[in-house]
Protein backbone atom coordinates (compact mmCIF):
# COMPACT_ATOMS: atom_id res chain seq x y z
CA UNK A 1 36.85 -2.06 -43.87
CA UNK A 2 36.08 -4.87 -41.42
CA UNK A 3 33.12 -4.20 -39.17
CA UNK A 4 34.06 -3.34 -35.59
CA UNK A 5 32.14 -4.87 -32.71
CA UNK A 6 31.14 -2.65 -29.81
CA UNK A 7 31.67 -5.15 -27.00
CA UNK A 8 30.00 -2.98 -24.37
CA UNK A 9 26.92 -2.36 -26.51
CA UNK A 10 26.66 -6.07 -27.29
CA UNK A 11 26.84 -6.95 -23.59
CA UNK A 12 24.14 -4.38 -22.77
CA UNK A 13 21.87 -5.72 -25.49
CA UNK A 14 22.39 -9.31 -24.34
CA UNK A 15 21.64 -8.29 -20.76
CA UNK A 16 18.39 -6.70 -21.92
CA UNK A 17 17.24 -10.09 -23.22
CA UNK A 18 18.14 -11.68 -19.87
CA UNK A 19 16.35 -9.04 -17.79
CA UNK A 20 13.19 -9.27 -19.90
CA UNK A 21 13.22 -13.05 -19.63
CA UNK A 22 13.40 -12.81 -15.83
CA UNK A 23 10.40 -10.49 -15.75
CA UNK A 24 8.44 -12.80 -18.03
CA UNK A 25 9.41 -15.92 -16.08
CA UNK A 26 8.13 -14.28 -12.90
CA UNK A 27 4.92 -13.10 -14.58
CA UNK A 28 4.09 -16.12 -16.74
CA UNK A 29 6.43 -18.98 -15.84
CA UNK A 30 9.27 -20.33 -17.96
CA UNK A 31 7.23 -22.97 -19.76
CA UNK A 32 4.57 -20.42 -20.72
CA UNK A 33 7.11 -17.82 -21.84
CA UNK A 34 7.98 -18.00 -25.52
CA UNK A 35 10.88 -16.55 -27.45
CA UNK A 36 8.33 -14.42 -29.26
CA UNK A 37 7.22 -12.94 -25.92
CA UNK A 38 10.80 -11.82 -25.32
CA UNK A 39 11.08 -10.39 -28.82
CA UNK A 40 7.82 -8.48 -28.44
CA UNK A 41 8.97 -6.93 -25.17
CA UNK A 42 12.19 -5.70 -26.78
CA UNK A 43 10.82 -5.04 -30.27
CA UNK A 44 13.63 -7.28 -31.50
CA UNK A 45 13.97 -9.71 -34.38
CA UNK A 46 14.33 -13.47 -34.08
CA UNK A 47 17.74 -13.13 -35.71
CA UNK A 48 18.79 -10.75 -32.93
CA UNK A 49 17.79 -13.33 -30.32
CA UNK A 50 19.77 -16.12 -31.95
CA UNK A 51 22.75 -13.81 -32.24
CA UNK A 52 23.04 -14.02 -28.45
CA UNK A 53 21.37 -17.32 -27.52
CA UNK A 54 21.29 -20.70 -29.21
CA UNK A 55 17.94 -21.62 -27.68
CA UNK A 56 15.34 -20.80 -25.04
CA UNK A 57 17.26 -23.12 -22.69
CA UNK A 58 20.43 -21.09 -23.28
CA UNK A 59 18.48 -18.00 -22.29
CA UNK A 60 17.40 -19.75 -19.09
CA UNK A 61 21.02 -20.57 -18.28
CA UNK A 62 21.98 -16.94 -18.87
CA UNK A 63 19.12 -15.82 -16.62
CA UNK A 64 20.26 -18.10 -13.80
CA UNK A 65 23.90 -17.03 -14.30
CA UNK A 66 22.65 -13.45 -13.92
CA UNK A 67 20.91 -14.32 -10.64
CA UNK A 68 23.99 -16.10 -9.25
CA UNK A 69 26.26 -13.18 -10.20
CA UNK A 70 23.87 -10.61 -8.71
CA UNK A 71 23.56 -12.56 -5.45
CA UNK A 72 27.34 -12.90 -5.18
CA UNK A 73 27.81 -9.20 -5.92
CA UNK A 74 25.34 -8.37 -3.15
CA UNK A 75 27.15 -10.41 -0.48
CA UNK A 76 30.79 -10.17 -1.57
CA UNK A 77 31.42 -6.88 0.32
CA UNK A 78 30.91 -8.88 3.52
CA UNK A 79 34.14 -10.78 2.91
CA UNK A 80 36.12 -7.56 2.52
CA UNK A 81 34.67 -5.77 5.55
CA UNK A 82 37.55 -5.33 8.06
CA UNK A 83 35.08 -4.64 10.89
CA UNK A 84 33.63 -8.17 10.79
CA UNK A 85 35.05 -11.28 12.42
CA UNK A 86 35.36 -14.47 10.38
CA UNK A 87 32.34 -15.99 12.15
CA UNK A 88 30.26 -12.90 11.37
CA UNK A 89 31.33 -13.04 7.74
CA UNK A 90 30.33 -16.70 7.39
CA UNK A 91 26.92 -16.07 8.95
CA UNK A 92 26.26 -12.93 6.93
CA UNK A 93 27.33 -14.64 3.72
CA UNK A 94 24.79 -17.43 4.22
CA UNK A 95 22.04 -15.19 5.57
CA UNK A 96 22.76 -12.58 2.90
CA UNK A 97 22.22 -15.07 0.07
CA UNK A 98 19.03 -16.32 1.74
CA UNK A 99 17.81 -12.77 2.28
CA UNK A 100 18.62 -11.77 -1.30
CA UNK A 101 16.50 -14.66 -2.56
CA UNK A 102 13.71 -13.84 -0.10
CA UNK A 103 13.51 -10.32 -1.54
CA UNK A 104 12.89 -11.94 -4.93
CA UNK A 105 10.65 -14.70 -3.65
CA UNK A 106 8.17 -14.69 -6.54
CA UNK A 107 10.93 -14.94 -9.13
CA UNK A 108 12.67 -17.72 -7.19
CA UNK A 109 9.40 -19.66 -6.96
CA UNK A 110 8.80 -19.21 -10.70
CA UNK A 111 12.23 -20.65 -11.45
CA UNK A 112 12.01 -23.44 -8.92
CA UNK A 113 10.20 -26.24 -10.71
CA UNK A 114 11.71 -25.68 -14.14
CA UNK A 115 15.26 -25.29 -12.78
CA UNK A 116 15.11 -28.54 -10.83
CA UNK A 117 13.53 -30.58 -13.60
CA UNK A 118 15.52 -33.45 -15.11
CA UNK A 119 15.66 -31.64 -18.45
CA UNK A 120 17.86 -28.94 -16.95
CA UNK A 121 20.36 -31.18 -15.14
CA UNK A 122 23.29 -30.29 -17.42
CA UNK A 123 22.67 -26.56 -17.21
CA UNK A 124 22.22 -26.84 -13.44
CA UNK A 125 25.56 -28.63 -13.13
CA UNK A 126 27.31 -25.85 -15.06
CA UNK A 127 25.87 -23.22 -12.72
CA UNK A 128 26.94 -25.27 -9.69
CA UNK A 129 30.50 -25.42 -10.96
CA UNK A 130 30.56 -21.68 -11.61
CA UNK A 131 29.24 -21.10 -8.08
CA UNK A 132 32.07 -23.21 -6.67
CA UNK A 133 34.62 -21.21 -8.68
CA UNK A 134 33.29 -17.93 -7.23
CA UNK A 135 32.65 -19.01 -3.63
CA UNK A 136 35.70 -21.11 -2.80
CA UNK A 137 38.27 -18.27 -2.99
CA UNK A 138 35.91 -15.99 -1.07
CA UNK A 139 35.35 -18.52 1.71
CA UNK A 140 38.98 -19.63 1.80
CA UNK A 141 40.00 -16.08 2.75
CA UNK A 142 37.39 -16.02 5.52
CA UNK A 143 38.50 -19.40 6.87
CA UNK A 144 42.11 -18.22 6.97
CA UNK A 145 40.99 -15.14 8.89
CA UNK A 146 39.17 -17.40 11.35
CA UNK A 147 42.33 -19.45 11.85
CA UNK A 148 44.29 -16.29 12.61
CA UNK A 149 41.58 -15.17 15.05
CA UNK A 150 41.66 -18.58 16.70
CA UNK A 151 37.95 -19.31 16.15
CA UNK A 152 38.34 -21.85 13.31
CA UNK A 153 40.66 -24.84 13.57
CA UNK A 154 40.24 -26.24 10.05
CA UNK A 155 43.70 -27.22 8.80
CA UNK A 156 43.18 -26.33 5.14
CA UNK A 157 41.35 -23.08 4.28
CA UNK A 158 40.85 -24.26 0.70
CA UNK A 159 39.60 -27.70 1.74
CA UNK A 160 37.28 -26.23 4.35
CA UNK A 161 35.98 -23.68 1.85
CA UNK A 162 35.14 -26.43 -0.64
CA UNK A 163 33.34 -28.38 2.07
CA UNK A 164 31.37 -25.28 3.07
CA UNK A 165 30.34 -24.68 -0.55
CA UNK A 166 29.23 -28.31 -0.77
CA UNK A 167 27.12 -27.71 2.35
CA UNK A 168 25.65 -24.56 0.83
CA UNK A 169 24.70 -26.34 -2.41
CA UNK A 170 23.33 -29.25 -0.39
CA UNK A 171 21.33 -26.80 1.72
CA UNK A 172 19.76 -25.41 -1.45
CA UNK A 173 18.71 -28.87 -2.61
CA UNK A 174 17.41 -29.74 0.84
CA UNK A 175 15.49 -26.46 1.01
CA UNK A 176 13.74 -27.25 -2.28
CA UNK A 177 12.66 -30.67 -1.04
CA UNK A 178 11.47 -29.22 2.27
CA UNK A 179 9.61 -26.42 0.52
CA UNK A 180 7.58 -28.80 -1.61
CA UNK A 181 7.00 -31.10 1.37
CA UNK A 182 5.68 -28.14 3.37
CA UNK A 183 3.48 -27.06 0.45
CA UNK A 184 2.00 -30.55 0.37
CA UNK A 185 1.45 -30.51 4.15
CA UNK A 186 3.71 -33.53 4.61
CA UNK A 187 5.98 -32.12 7.33
CA UNK A 188 5.67 -29.55 10.14
CA UNK A 189 7.77 -26.40 10.34
CA UNK A 190 9.69 -27.90 13.25
CA UNK A 191 11.21 -30.52 10.94
CA UNK A 192 12.45 -27.77 8.64
CA UNK A 193 14.05 -25.90 11.52
CA UNK A 194 15.64 -29.13 12.76
CA UNK A 195 17.17 -29.90 9.36
CA UNK A 196 18.69 -26.42 9.07
CA UNK A 197 20.01 -26.67 12.62
CA UNK A 198 21.70 -29.93 11.60
CA UNK A 199 23.35 -28.20 8.65
CA UNK A 200 24.54 -25.40 10.91
CA UNK A 201 26.12 -27.97 13.22
CA UNK A 202 27.84 -29.61 10.23
CA UNK A 203 29.15 -26.18 9.20
CA UNK A 204 30.73 -25.58 12.60
CA UNK A 205 32.41 -29.00 12.51
CA UNK A 206 33.84 -28.40 9.04
CA UNK A 207 35.29 -25.07 10.17
CA UNK A 208 36.38 -26.33 13.57
CA UNK A 209 34.22 -23.73 15.32
CA UNK A 210 32.37 -24.25 18.61
CA UNK A 211 29.09 -26.13 18.12
CA UNK A 212 26.18 -23.71 18.21
CA UNK A 213 28.32 -20.70 17.32
CA UNK A 214 27.09 -20.38 13.72
CA UNK A 215 23.71 -20.38 11.98
CA UNK A 216 22.76 -20.72 8.31
CA UNK A 217 19.56 -18.68 8.20
CA UNK A 218 17.64 -16.44 10.57
CA UNK A 219 14.23 -17.49 11.89
CA UNK A 220 12.32 -14.73 10.06
CA UNK A 221 13.66 -15.78 6.65
CA UNK A 222 13.07 -19.45 7.44
CA UNK A 223 9.44 -18.73 8.32
CA UNK A 224 8.97 -16.60 5.21
CA UNK A 225 9.68 -19.64 3.06
CA UNK A 226 8.36 -22.50 5.17
CA UNK A 227 5.54 -21.30 7.46
């Protein structure tokens, strides 16, 4: 008889590798973490690892995919909340992602340098595209709600949503540059706040909302990362 594959059990086992890798990345750093470290944590064989992942880099991609999916799962209820206006949803979506990352600050910092290295450009691009695929439909619905409410004047919900996602991804890249600049003592906190205020203004213009009516990140979270 042909062997049957328990899809659910396979997914759980694969997820165990991902979760262990995230713990080890936070504790040791990605470069210092070895495949053997992961195997030792799970009491697994090397063959079991390669059954799920082609390489250590593939495991990193899976770990980042896990983080993106978890962050989206955490903030997606905002879009479906009938009690919130479109403007509130946009703000809470941005601040929710920032807050989710702030709660996992040590892990985010551990991933930072390795994720933004040139060696990981292809993997990073794949994650960006998957983020676009998840966020655009979510934001498009919110933009349409804002049009109905009369607070957004963007003509195309889909086009505006894609522009907002581009701003979000750009904000992430900008935040990384600002973080390292602050760590090196090259810029004051005021410059960071000014840059994020500029992004918030760009966001309002994309959506056709009143200037100053939206923000990307609250002051407490901004200071947590950049003070």
